[in-house]
Amino acid sequence: MNTAAAAEAKVGAEPESGAAPNPDELKVAEDRAVECSVAFERADNDRGRLGLEFGQSILDLRGKKKAAGDRDWMSYLERLGISYEKARYWMAKVEGKPTNRHAKKAKVEPSEPSEKDMDDWERATSWSLLATELKVVSDHAALLKRDHQGSVGEEFLAQLKMLAEEMGLKTEPTEGEDA
């Protein structure tokens, strides 16, 4: 196998020639990454296999974006509707790298996702877990409001309004509050 073919055979690697992919190749890779992301999100079972397919499609897309000279990776993924964290997790799984950024560096062999890995991923994307955490924050906010005779911190309100807007909810001022 020649060196250029060996370089192309590597996961997510760009050819040695450094030639930028044509726009059609980039669009195909982009469509495949979005398609894999949607399939993964909708899957009830076989999420491990679909996650690895998603990770591979993201690695392929990243290789094409690097070859094109684009270095704005995180905002590019965001524009595609793909979270950087999910992409990073599954790219690491495909590459056989640790999925925990804070763990000590060690050589990890590529493997199928284990039940533990899926549990970690499920926890990271769980609405019920988020609801539990929101309940804790809500209870804390109620205690603070009571302790401060009904006044609520402006920073807290600003974050709460941003969350409501992000979730597509409308907020309305209460009596005595500016519109």
N, C-alpha and C. Protein backbone atom coordinates (compact mmCIF):
# COMPACT_ATOMS: atom_id res chain seq x y z
N MET A 1 0.86 -1.18 0.00
CA MET A 1 0.00 0.00 0.00
C MET A 1 0.90 1.23 0.00
N ASN A 2 0.65 2.20 -0.91
CA ASN A 2 1.48 3.38 -0.93
C ASN A 2 1.17 4.29 0.25
N THR A 3 2.02 5.29 0.49
CA THR A 3 1.86 6.12 1.68
C THR A 3 0.58 6.94 1.66
N ALA A 4 0.18 7.46 0.51
CA ALA A 4 -1.05 8.24 0.44
C ALA A 4 -2.26 7.36 0.75
N ALA A 5 -2.25 6.13 0.22
CA ALA A 5 -3.36 5.21 0.49
C ALA A 5 -3.38 4.83 1.95
N ALA A 6 -2.21 4.65 2.57
CA ALA A 6 -2.13 4.33 4.00
C ALA A 6 -2.68 5.49 4.83
N ALA A 7 -2.37 6.71 4.43
CA ALA A 7 -2.87 7.88 5.16
C ALA A 7 -4.38 7.97 5.05
N GLU A 8 -4.93 7.69 3.85
CA GLU A 8 -6.37 7.74 3.68
C GLU A 8 -7.07 6.63 4.45
N ALA A 9 -6.37 5.52 4.66
CA ALA A 9 -6.96 4.39 5.37
C ALA A 9 -7.14 4.69 6.86
N LYS A 10 -6.34 5.63 7.39
CA LYS A 10 -6.49 5.98 8.80
C LYS A 10 -7.84 6.64 9.01
N VAL A 11 -8.42 6.40 10.17
CA VAL A 11 -9.73 6.96 10.50
C VAL A 11 -9.62 8.47 10.58
N GLY A 12 -10.43 9.16 9.79
CA GLY A 12 -10.50 10.62 9.86
C GLY A 12 -9.28 11.33 9.33
N ALA A 13 -8.34 10.62 8.71
CA ALA A 13 -7.12 11.25 8.23
C ALA A 13 -7.35 11.85 6.86
N GLU A 14 -6.60 12.89 6.58
CA GLU A 14 -6.69 13.49 5.26
C GLU A 14 -5.57 12.95 4.38
N PRO A 15 -5.74 12.93 3.07
CA PRO A 15 -4.70 12.44 2.19
C PRO A 15 -3.43 13.27 2.34
N GLU A 16 -2.29 12.68 2.06
CA GLU A 16 -1.02 13.39 2.19
C GLU A 16 -0.93 14.56 1.24
N SER A 17 -1.63 14.49 0.13
CA SER A 17 -1.57 15.58 -0.83
C SER A 17 -2.09 16.87 -0.23
N GLY A 18 -2.93 16.77 0.81
CA GLY A 18 -3.47 17.95 1.47
C GLY A 18 -4.53 18.64 0.64
N ALA A 19 -4.94 18.04 -0.47
CA ALA A 19 -5.94 18.65 -1.34
C ALA A 19 -7.27 18.75 -0.60
N ALA A 20 -7.87 19.90 -0.73
CA ALA A 20 -9.17 20.11 -0.09
C ALA A 20 -10.22 19.28 -0.81
N PRO A 21 -11.16 18.71 -0.05
CA PRO A 21 -12.23 17.94 -0.69
C PRO A 21 -13.12 18.87 -1.50
N ASN A 22 -13.73 18.33 -2.55
CA ASN A 22 -14.64 19.18 -3.31
C ASN A 22 -15.91 19.38 -2.48
N PRO A 23 -16.67 20.43 -2.76
CA PRO A 23 -17.87 20.73 -1.96
C PRO A 23 -18.87 19.58 -1.89
N ASP A 24 -18.95 18.77 -2.96
CA ASP A 24 -19.89 17.64 -2.95
C ASP A 24 -19.47 16.60 -1.92
N GLU A 25 -18.17 16.31 -1.82
CA GLU A 25 -17.68 15.34 -0.83
C GLU A 25 -17.97 15.83 0.58
N LEU A 26 -17.76 17.13 0.80
CA LEU A 26 -18.01 17.72 2.12
C LEU A 26 -19.50 17.64 2.46
N LYS A 27 -20.35 17.93 1.49
CA LYS A 27 -21.80 17.89 1.70
C LYS A 27 -22.26 16.46 2.01
N VAL A 28 -21.71 15.47 1.30
CA VAL A 28 -22.06 14.07 1.56
C VAL A 28 -21.65 13.68 2.97
N ALA A 29 -20.43 14.07 3.39
CA ALA A 29 -19.96 13.75 4.74
C ALA A 29 -20.81 14.45 5.79
N GLU A 30 -21.18 15.69 5.51
CA GLU A 30 -22.03 16.45 6.43
C GLU A 30 -23.41 15.79 6.56
N ASP A 31 -24.01 15.43 5.44
CA ASP A 31 -25.32 14.78 5.46
C ASP A 31 -25.26 13.45 6.21
N ARG A 32 -24.19 12.69 6.00
CA ARG A 32 -24.03 11.40 6.68
C ARG A 32 -23.92 11.60 8.19
N ALA A 33 -23.17 12.60 8.63
CA ALA A 33 -23.01 12.87 10.06
C ALA A 33 -24.35 13.25 10.69
N VAL A 34 -25.11 14.10 10.03
CA VAL A 34 -26.42 14.51 10.54
C VAL A 34 -27.38 13.31 10.57
N GLU A 35 -27.36 12.53 9.50
CA GLU A 35 -28.20 11.32 9.41
C GLU A 35 -27.88 10.35 10.56
N CYS A 36 -26.61 10.12 10.81
CA CYS A 36 -26.19 9.22 11.90
C CYS A 36 -26.59 9.78 13.26
N SER A 37 -26.47 11.09 13.42
CA SER A 37 -26.84 11.73 14.68
C SER A 37 -28.33 11.55 14.95
N VAL A 38 -29.15 11.77 13.95
CA VAL A 38 -30.60 11.63 14.09
C VAL A 38 -30.97 10.18 14.38
N ALA A 39 -30.36 9.24 13.66
CA ALA A 39 -30.64 7.82 13.88
C ALA A 39 -30.26 7.42 15.30
N PHE A 40 -29.13 7.92 15.78
CA PHE A 40 -28.68 7.60 17.13
C PHE A 40 -29.65 8.15 18.16
N GLU A 41 -30.09 9.38 17.98
CA GLU A 41 -31.01 10.02 18.94
C GLU A 41 -32.35 9.30 18.99
N ARG A 42 -32.81 8.78 17.87
CA ARG A 42 -34.12 8.14 17.79
C ARG A 42 -34.11 6.67 18.18
N ALA A 43 -32.93 6.09 18.31
CA ALA A 43 -32.80 4.64 18.54
C ALA A 43 -33.26 4.25 19.94
N ASP A 44 -34.04 3.19 20.00
CA ASP A 44 -34.44 2.62 21.28
C ASP A 44 -33.48 1.52 21.70
N ASN A 45 -32.88 0.85 20.71
CA ASN A 45 -31.92 -0.20 21.01
C ASN A 45 -30.78 -0.10 20.01
N ASP A 46 -29.75 -0.86 20.23
CA ASP A 46 -28.58 -0.88 19.36
C ASP A 46 -27.87 0.47 19.31
N ARG A 47 -27.96 1.22 20.41
CA ARG A 47 -27.35 2.55 20.46
C ARG A 47 -25.82 2.47 20.38
N GLY A 48 -25.24 1.36 20.87
CA GLY A 48 -23.79 1.23 20.81
C GLY A 48 -23.28 1.21 19.38
N ARG A 49 -23.90 0.38 18.55
CA ARG A 49 -23.50 0.29 17.14
C ARG A 49 -23.77 1.62 16.44
N LEU A 50 -24.94 2.20 16.69
CA LEU A 50 -25.28 3.47 16.04
C LEU A 50 -24.36 4.60 16.52
N GLY A 51 -23.98 4.55 17.79
CA GLY A 51 -23.04 5.55 18.31
C GLY A 51 -21.69 5.46 17.63
N LEU A 52 -21.22 4.24 17.41
CA LEU A 52 -19.95 4.06 16.73
C LEU A 52 -20.03 4.51 15.27
N GLU A 53 -21.15 4.24 14.61
CA GLU A 53 -21.35 4.73 13.24
C GLU A 53 -21.34 6.26 13.23
N PHE A 54 -22.02 6.84 14.22
CA PHE A 54 -22.06 8.30 14.34
C PHE A 54 -20.64 8.84 14.54
N GLY A 55 -19.89 8.22 15.46
CA GLY A 55 -18.51 8.66 15.72
C GLY A 55 -17.65 8.59 14.47
N GLN A 56 -17.79 7.51 13.71
CA GLN A 56 -17.01 7.37 12.48
C GLN A 56 -17.40 8.44 11.46
N SER A 57 -18.70 8.73 11.36
CA SER A 57 -19.13 9.75 10.40
C SER A 57 -18.60 11.13 10.80
N ILE A 58 -18.52 11.40 12.10
CA ILE A 58 -17.99 12.68 12.57
C ILE A 58 -16.48 12.75 12.29
N LEU A 59 -15.77 11.64 12.51
CA LEU A 59 -14.34 11.62 12.20
C LEU A 59 -14.10 11.87 10.71
N ASP A 60 -14.91 11.26 9.86
CA ASP A 60 -14.78 11.47 8.42
C ASP A 60 -15.03 12.94 8.07
N LEU A 61 -16.08 13.50 8.66
CA LEU A 61 -16.42 14.90 8.41
C LEU A 61 -15.30 15.82 8.90
N ARG A 62 -14.76 15.54 10.09
CA ARG A 62 -13.68 16.36 10.63
C ARG A 62 -12.47 16.32 9.71
N GLY A 63 -12.14 15.15 9.17
CA GLY A 63 -11.02 15.05 8.25
C GLY A 63 -11.22 15.91 7.01
N LYS A 64 -12.43 15.90 6.48
CA LYS A 64 -12.72 16.71 5.29
C LYS A 64 -12.70 18.20 5.62
N LYS A 65 -13.21 18.57 6.80
CA LYS A 65 -13.20 19.98 7.20
C LYS A 65 -11.77 20.47 7.41
N LYS A 66 -10.92 19.63 8.02
CA LYS A 66 -9.52 20.01 8.21
C LYS A 66 -8.83 20.17 6.86
N ALA A 67 -9.10 19.24 5.94
CA ALA A 67 -8.48 19.32 4.61
C ALA A 67 -8.93 20.58 3.88
N ALA A 68 -10.14 21.04 4.17
CA ALA A 68 -10.66 22.25 3.53
C ALA A 68 -10.11 23.51 4.21
N GLY A 69 -9.39 23.32 5.33
CA GLY A 69 -8.80 24.47 6.03
C GLY A 69 -9.72 25.10 7.04
N ASP A 70 -10.88 24.51 7.30
CA ASP A 70 -11.83 25.06 8.26
C ASP A 70 -11.41 24.65 9.66
N ARG A 71 -11.27 25.61 10.56
CA ARG A 71 -10.84 25.31 11.92
C ARG A 71 -11.90 25.68 12.96
N ASP A 72 -13.10 26.04 12.52
CA ASP A 72 -14.17 26.46 13.42
C ASP A 72 -15.07 25.27 13.72
N TRP A 73 -14.51 24.20 14.28
CA TRP A 73 -15.16 22.91 14.42
C TRP A 73 -16.37 22.93 15.34
N MET A 74 -16.23 23.50 16.55
CA MET A 74 -17.32 23.45 17.52
C MET A 74 -18.57 24.21 17.02
N SER A 75 -18.38 25.40 16.49
CA SER A 75 -19.56 26.15 16.01
C SER A 75 -20.13 25.50 14.75
N TYR A 76 -19.27 24.84 13.95
CA TYR A 76 -19.75 24.12 12.77
C TYR A 76 -20.68 22.98 13.20
N LEU A 77 -20.27 22.20 14.20
CA LEU A 77 -21.13 21.13 14.71
C LEU A 77 -22.44 21.70 15.24
N GLU A 78 -22.34 22.81 15.96
CA GLU A 78 -23.54 23.44 16.51
C GLU A 78 -24.51 23.82 15.40
N ARG A 79 -23.99 24.37 14.29
CA ARG A 79 -24.86 24.73 13.16
C ARG A 79 -25.54 23.50 12.56
N LEU A 80 -24.88 22.34 12.66
CA LEU A 80 -25.48 21.10 12.16
C LEU A 80 -26.47 20.50 13.16
N GLY A 81 -26.53 21.06 14.36
CA GLY A 81 -27.42 20.52 15.39
C GLY A 81 -26.82 19.34 16.14
N ILE A 82 -25.49 19.24 16.14
CA ILE A 82 -24.80 18.14 16.80
C ILE A 82 -24.00 18.71 17.97
N SER A 83 -24.21 18.16 19.15
CA SER A 83 -23.48 18.69 20.30
C SER A 83 -22.03 18.24 20.22
N TYR A 84 -21.13 19.15 20.58
CA TYR A 84 -19.71 18.84 20.57
C TYR A 84 -19.40 17.70 21.54
N GLU A 85 -20.06 17.71 22.70
CA GLU A 85 -19.80 16.68 23.71
C GLU A 85 -20.14 15.29 23.19
N LYS A 86 -21.29 15.17 22.52
CA LYS A 86 -21.68 13.87 21.97
C LYS A 86 -20.70 13.45 20.88
N ALA A 87 -20.33 14.38 20.02
CA ALA A 87 -19.39 14.07 18.94
C ALA A 87 -18.04 13.65 19.53
N ARG A 88 -17.54 14.38 20.51
CA ARG A 88 -16.25 14.07 21.12
C ARG A 88 -16.28 12.69 21.77
N TYR A 89 -17.36 12.38 22.48
CA TYR A 89 -17.50 11.09 23.16
C TYR A 89 -17.40 9.94 22.17
N TRP A 90 -18.19 10.00 21.10
CA TRP A 90 -18.24 8.88 20.16
C TRP A 90 -17.03 8.83 19.25
N MET A 91 -16.39 9.97 18.96
CA MET A 91 -15.13 9.93 18.22
C MET A 91 -14.08 9.23 19.07
N ALA A 92 -14.04 9.53 20.36
CA ALA A 92 -13.08 8.88 21.26
C ALA A 92 -13.33 7.38 21.32
N LYS A 93 -14.59 6.95 21.35
CA LYS A 93 -14.91 5.52 21.37
C LYS A 93 -14.38 4.84 20.11
N VAL A 94 -14.58 5.48 18.95
CA VAL A 94 -14.12 4.89 17.68
C VAL A 94 -12.60 4.83 17.65
N GLU A 95 -11.94 5.88 18.15
CA GLU A 95 -10.48 5.93 18.13
C GLU A 95 -9.85 5.11 19.25
N GLY A 96 -10.66 4.60 20.17
CA GLY A 96 -10.12 3.83 21.28
C GLY A 96 -9.46 4.69 22.33
N LYS A 97 -9.89 5.93 22.44
CA LYS A 97 -9.33 6.86 23.43
C LYS A 97 -10.25 6.91 24.64
N PRO A 98 -9.73 7.36 25.78
CA PRO A 98 -10.58 7.49 26.97
C PRO A 98 -11.71 8.47 26.71
N THR A 99 -12.86 8.19 27.27
CA THR A 99 -14.01 9.09 27.09
C THR A 99 -14.13 10.07 28.24
N ASN A 100 -13.33 9.90 29.26
CA ASN A 100 -13.34 10.80 30.41
C ASN A 100 -12.12 11.69 30.31
N ARG A 101 -12.31 12.96 30.05
CA ARG A 101 -11.20 13.89 29.87
C ARG A 101 -10.34 14.02 31.12
N HIS A 102 -10.90 13.75 32.28
CA HIS A 102 -10.18 13.97 33.52
C HIS A 102 -9.47 12.73 34.03
N ALA A 103 -9.65 11.63 33.34
CA ALA A 103 -8.99 10.39 33.76
C ALA A 103 -7.51 10.46 33.40
N LYS A 104 -6.70 9.69 34.11
CA LYS A 104 -5.28 9.63 33.78
C LYS A 104 -5.14 9.05 32.39
N LYS A 105 -4.19 9.59 31.66
CA LYS A 105 -3.99 9.12 30.29
C LYS A 105 -3.46 7.69 30.31
N ALA A 106 -4.08 6.86 29.54
CA ALA A 106 -3.67 5.46 29.43
C ALA A 106 -4.01 4.98 28.04
N LYS A 107 -3.31 4.02 27.58
CA LYS A 107 -3.59 3.43 26.27
C LYS A 107 -4.86 2.60 26.38
N VAL A 108 -5.83 2.92 25.54
CA VAL A 108 -7.10 2.20 25.55
C VAL A 108 -7.31 1.57 24.19
N GLU A 109 -7.61 0.31 24.19
CA GLU A 109 -7.87 -0.40 22.93
C GLU A 109 -9.30 -0.12 22.48
N PRO A 110 -9.54 0.04 21.17
CA PRO A 110 -10.91 0.23 20.68
C PRO A 110 -11.77 -0.96 21.08
N SER A 111 -12.99 -0.66 21.45
CA SER A 111 -13.89 -1.74 21.86
C SER A 111 -15.32 -1.32 21.61
N GLU A 112 -16.20 -2.30 21.68
CA GLU A 112 -17.61 -2.00 21.63
C GLU A 112 -17.98 -1.28 22.93
N PRO A 113 -18.96 -0.39 22.91
CA PRO A 113 -19.34 0.28 24.15
C PRO A 113 -19.86 -0.74 25.16
N SER A 114 -19.43 -0.58 26.38
CA SER A 114 -19.89 -1.47 27.44
C SER A 114 -21.20 -0.94 28.02
N GLU A 115 -21.84 -1.76 28.83
CA GLU A 115 -23.06 -1.30 29.50
C GLU A 115 -22.77 -0.07 30.35
N LYS A 116 -21.62 -0.06 31.01
CA LYS A 116 -21.25 1.09 31.84
C LYS A 116 -21.16 2.35 30.98
N ASP A 117 -20.52 2.23 29.81
CA ASP A 117 -20.41 3.38 28.92
C ASP A 117 -21.78 3.88 28.50
N MET A 118 -22.66 2.97 28.16
CA MET A 118 -24.00 3.37 27.75
C MET A 118 -24.74 4.02 28.91
N ASP A 119 -24.54 3.49 30.12
CA ASP A 119 -25.18 4.11 31.27
C ASP A 119 -24.70 5.54 31.46
N ASP A 120 -23.37 5.76 31.30
CA ASP A 120 -22.83 7.11 31.42
C ASP A 120 -23.44 8.02 30.37
N TRP A 121 -23.53 7.52 29.13
CA TRP A 121 -24.09 8.33 28.05
C TRP A 121 -25.57 8.61 28.30
N GLU A 122 -26.30 7.58 28.72
CA GLU A 122 -27.71 7.76 29.00
C GLU A 122 -27.91 8.80 30.10
N ARG A 123 -27.06 8.72 31.14
CA ARG A 123 -27.17 9.71 32.22
C ARG A 123 -26.88 11.11 31.70
N ALA A 124 -25.93 11.23 30.81
CA ALA A 124 -25.56 12.54 30.28
C ALA A 124 -26.64 13.12 29.38
N THR A 125 -27.53 12.29 28.86
CA THR A 125 -28.58 12.78 27.96
C THR A 125 -29.98 12.50 28.51
N SER A 126 -30.10 12.35 29.82
CA SER A 126 -31.36 11.97 30.43
C SER A 126 -32.17 13.19 30.88
N TRP A 127 -33.38 13.31 30.37
CA TRP A 127 -34.26 14.38 30.81
C TRP A 127 -34.70 14.17 32.25
N SER A 128 -34.92 12.91 32.65
CA SER A 128 -35.37 12.67 34.02
C SER A 128 -34.27 13.04 35.02
N LEU A 129 -33.01 12.77 34.69
CA LEU A 129 -31.91 13.17 35.57
C LEU A 129 -31.83 14.70 35.63
N LEU A 130 -31.99 15.34 34.50
CA LEU A 130 -31.98 16.80 34.47
C LEU A 130 -33.13 17.36 35.30
N ALA A 131 -34.29 16.73 35.22
CA ALA A 131 -35.43 17.18 36.02
C ALA A 131 -35.13 17.05 37.51
N THR A 132 -34.45 15.98 37.90
CA THR A 132 -34.07 15.81 39.31
C THR A 132 -33.12 16.92 39.74
N GLU A 133 -32.13 17.22 38.89
CA GLU A 133 -31.19 18.29 39.21
C GLU A 133 -31.89 19.64 39.25
N LEU A 134 -32.85 19.86 38.35
CA LEU A 134 -33.60 21.10 38.34
C LEU A 134 -34.42 21.25 39.62
N LYS A 135 -34.95 20.15 40.13
CA LYS A 135 -35.71 20.16 41.39
C LYS A 135 -34.82 20.63 42.53
N VAL A 136 -33.57 20.14 42.57
CA VAL A 136 -32.63 20.56 43.62
C VAL A 136 -32.38 22.07 43.52
N VAL A 137 -32.15 22.57 42.30
CA VAL A 137 -31.92 24.00 42.10
C VAL A 137 -33.16 24.78 42.48
N SER A 138 -34.33 24.29 42.10
CA SER A 138 -35.59 24.94 42.42
C SER A 138 -35.80 25.06 43.93
N ASP A 139 -35.55 23.96 44.64
CA ASP A 139 -35.68 23.99 46.10
C ASP A 139 -34.70 24.98 46.72
N HIS A 140 -33.48 25.00 46.21
CA HIS A 140 -32.47 25.94 46.71
C HIS A 140 -32.91 27.38 46.46
N ALA A 141 -33.44 27.64 45.27
CA ALA A 141 -33.91 28.99 44.94
C ALA A 141 -35.06 29.42 45.86
N ALA A 142 -35.97 28.49 46.15
CA ALA A 142 -37.08 28.81 47.05
C ALA A 142 -36.57 29.16 48.44
N LEU A 143 -35.57 28.42 48.92
CA LEU A 143 -34.98 28.73 50.23
C LEU A 143 -34.32 30.11 50.24
N LEU A 144 -33.56 30.40 49.19
CA LEU A 144 -32.91 31.70 49.11
C LEU A 144 -33.94 32.84 49.06
N LYS A 145 -35.00 32.64 48.30
CA LYS A 145 -36.03 33.68 48.20
C LYS A 145 -36.67 33.91 49.56
N ARG A 146 -36.96 32.83 50.28
CA ARG A 146 -37.55 32.96 51.61
C ARG A 146 -36.59 33.68 52.55
N ASP A 147 -35.31 33.31 52.53
CA ASP A 147 -34.31 33.92 53.40
C ASP A 147 -34.05 35.38 53.08
N HIS A 148 -34.31 35.78 51.85
CA HIS A 148 -34.08 37.17 51.45
C HIS A 148 -35.39 37.95 51.32
N GLN A 149 -36.37 37.58 52.11
CA GLN A 149 -37.68 38.25 52.16
C GLN A 149 -38.28 38.49 50.78
N GLY A 150 -38.22 37.49 49.94
CA GLY A 150 -38.91 37.54 48.65
C GLY A 150 -38.11 38.12 47.50
N SER A 151 -36.92 38.67 47.76
CA SER A 151 -36.16 39.22 46.64
C SER A 151 -35.38 38.09 45.95
N VAL A 152 -35.26 38.23 44.64
CA VAL A 152 -34.57 37.21 43.84
C VAL A 152 -33.42 37.88 43.12
N GLY A 153 -32.25 37.23 43.14
CA GLY A 153 -31.06 37.79 42.48
C GLY A 153 -31.27 37.98 40.99
N GLU A 154 -30.81 39.12 40.49
CA GLU A 154 -30.95 39.45 39.07
C GLU A 154 -30.20 38.45 38.17
N GLU A 155 -29.02 38.01 38.61
CA GLU A 155 -28.25 37.06 37.81
C GLU A 155 -29.02 35.74 37.66
N PHE A 156 -29.66 35.31 38.77
CA PHE A 156 -30.44 34.08 38.73
C PHE A 156 -31.62 34.23 37.77
N LEU A 157 -32.33 35.36 37.88
CA LEU A 157 -33.47 35.60 37.00
C LEU A 157 -33.05 35.65 35.53
N ALA A 158 -31.91 36.27 35.26
CA ALA A 158 -31.43 36.36 33.87
C ALA A 158 -31.17 34.96 33.32
N GLN A 159 -30.52 34.10 34.11
CA GLN A 159 -30.25 32.73 33.66
C GLN A 159 -31.55 31.95 33.46
N LEU A 160 -32.49 32.15 34.36
CA LEU A 160 -33.77 31.45 34.28
C LEU A 160 -34.53 31.88 33.02
N LYS A 161 -34.51 33.17 32.72
CA LYS A 161 -35.17 33.67 31.51
C LYS A 161 -34.50 33.12 30.26
N MET A 162 -33.17 33.05 30.26
CA MET A 162 -32.45 32.50 29.11
C MET A 162 -32.82 31.03 28.90
N LEU A 163 -32.93 30.28 29.99
CA LEU A 163 -33.32 28.87 29.89
C LEU A 163 -34.73 28.75 29.33
N ALA A 164 -35.64 29.57 29.84
CA ALA A 164 -37.02 29.52 29.37
C ALA A 164 -37.09 29.83 27.87
N GLU A 165 -36.35 30.84 27.43
CA GLU A 165 -36.34 31.19 26.00
C GLU A 165 -35.75 30.05 25.17
N GLU A 166 -34.67 29.45 25.67
CA GLU A 166 -34.03 28.34 24.96
C GLU A 166 -34.98 27.16 24.81
N MET A 167 -35.83 26.95 25.79
CA MET A 167 -36.78 25.85 25.77
C MET A 167 -38.07 26.22 25.03
N GLY A 168 -38.15 27.46 24.54
CA GLY A 168 -39.32 27.90 23.78
C GLY A 168 -40.48 28.33 24.66
N LEU A 169 -40.20 28.71 25.90
CA LEU A 169 -41.25 29.14 26.83
C LEU A 169 -41.26 30.65 26.90
N LYS A 170 -42.43 31.22 27.17
CA LYS A 170 -42.55 32.67 27.31
C LYS A 170 -42.56 33.00 28.79
N THR A 171 -41.89 34.07 29.13
CA THR A 171 -41.93 34.57 30.50
C THR A 171 -42.71 35.88 30.50
N GLU A 172 -43.51 36.06 31.52
CA GLU A 172 -44.27 37.29 31.66
C GLU A 172 -43.93 37.92 32.99
N PRO A 173 -43.76 39.25 33.00
CA PRO A 173 -43.42 39.91 34.26
C PRO A 173 -44.58 39.79 35.26
N THR A 174 -44.23 39.69 36.53
CA THR A 174 -45.25 39.68 37.57
C THR A 174 -45.52 41.11 38.00
N GLU A 175 -46.51 41.31 38.85
CA GLU A 175 -46.84 42.67 39.31
C GLU A 175 -45.61 43.33 39.91
N GLY A 176 -45.40 44.57 39.55
CA GLY A 176 -44.29 45.33 40.10
C GLY A 176 -42.97 45.08 39.37
N GLU A 177 -42.96 44.20 38.38
CA GLU A 177 -41.72 43.91 37.65
C GLU A 177 -41.80 44.63 36.31
N ASP A 178 -40.66 45.18 35.87
CA ASP A 178 -40.61 45.85 34.57
C ASP A 178 -40.78 44.84 33.45
N ALA A 179 -41.44 45.28 32.37
CA ALA A 179 -41.65 44.39 31.22
C ALA A 179 -40.42 44.22 30.40
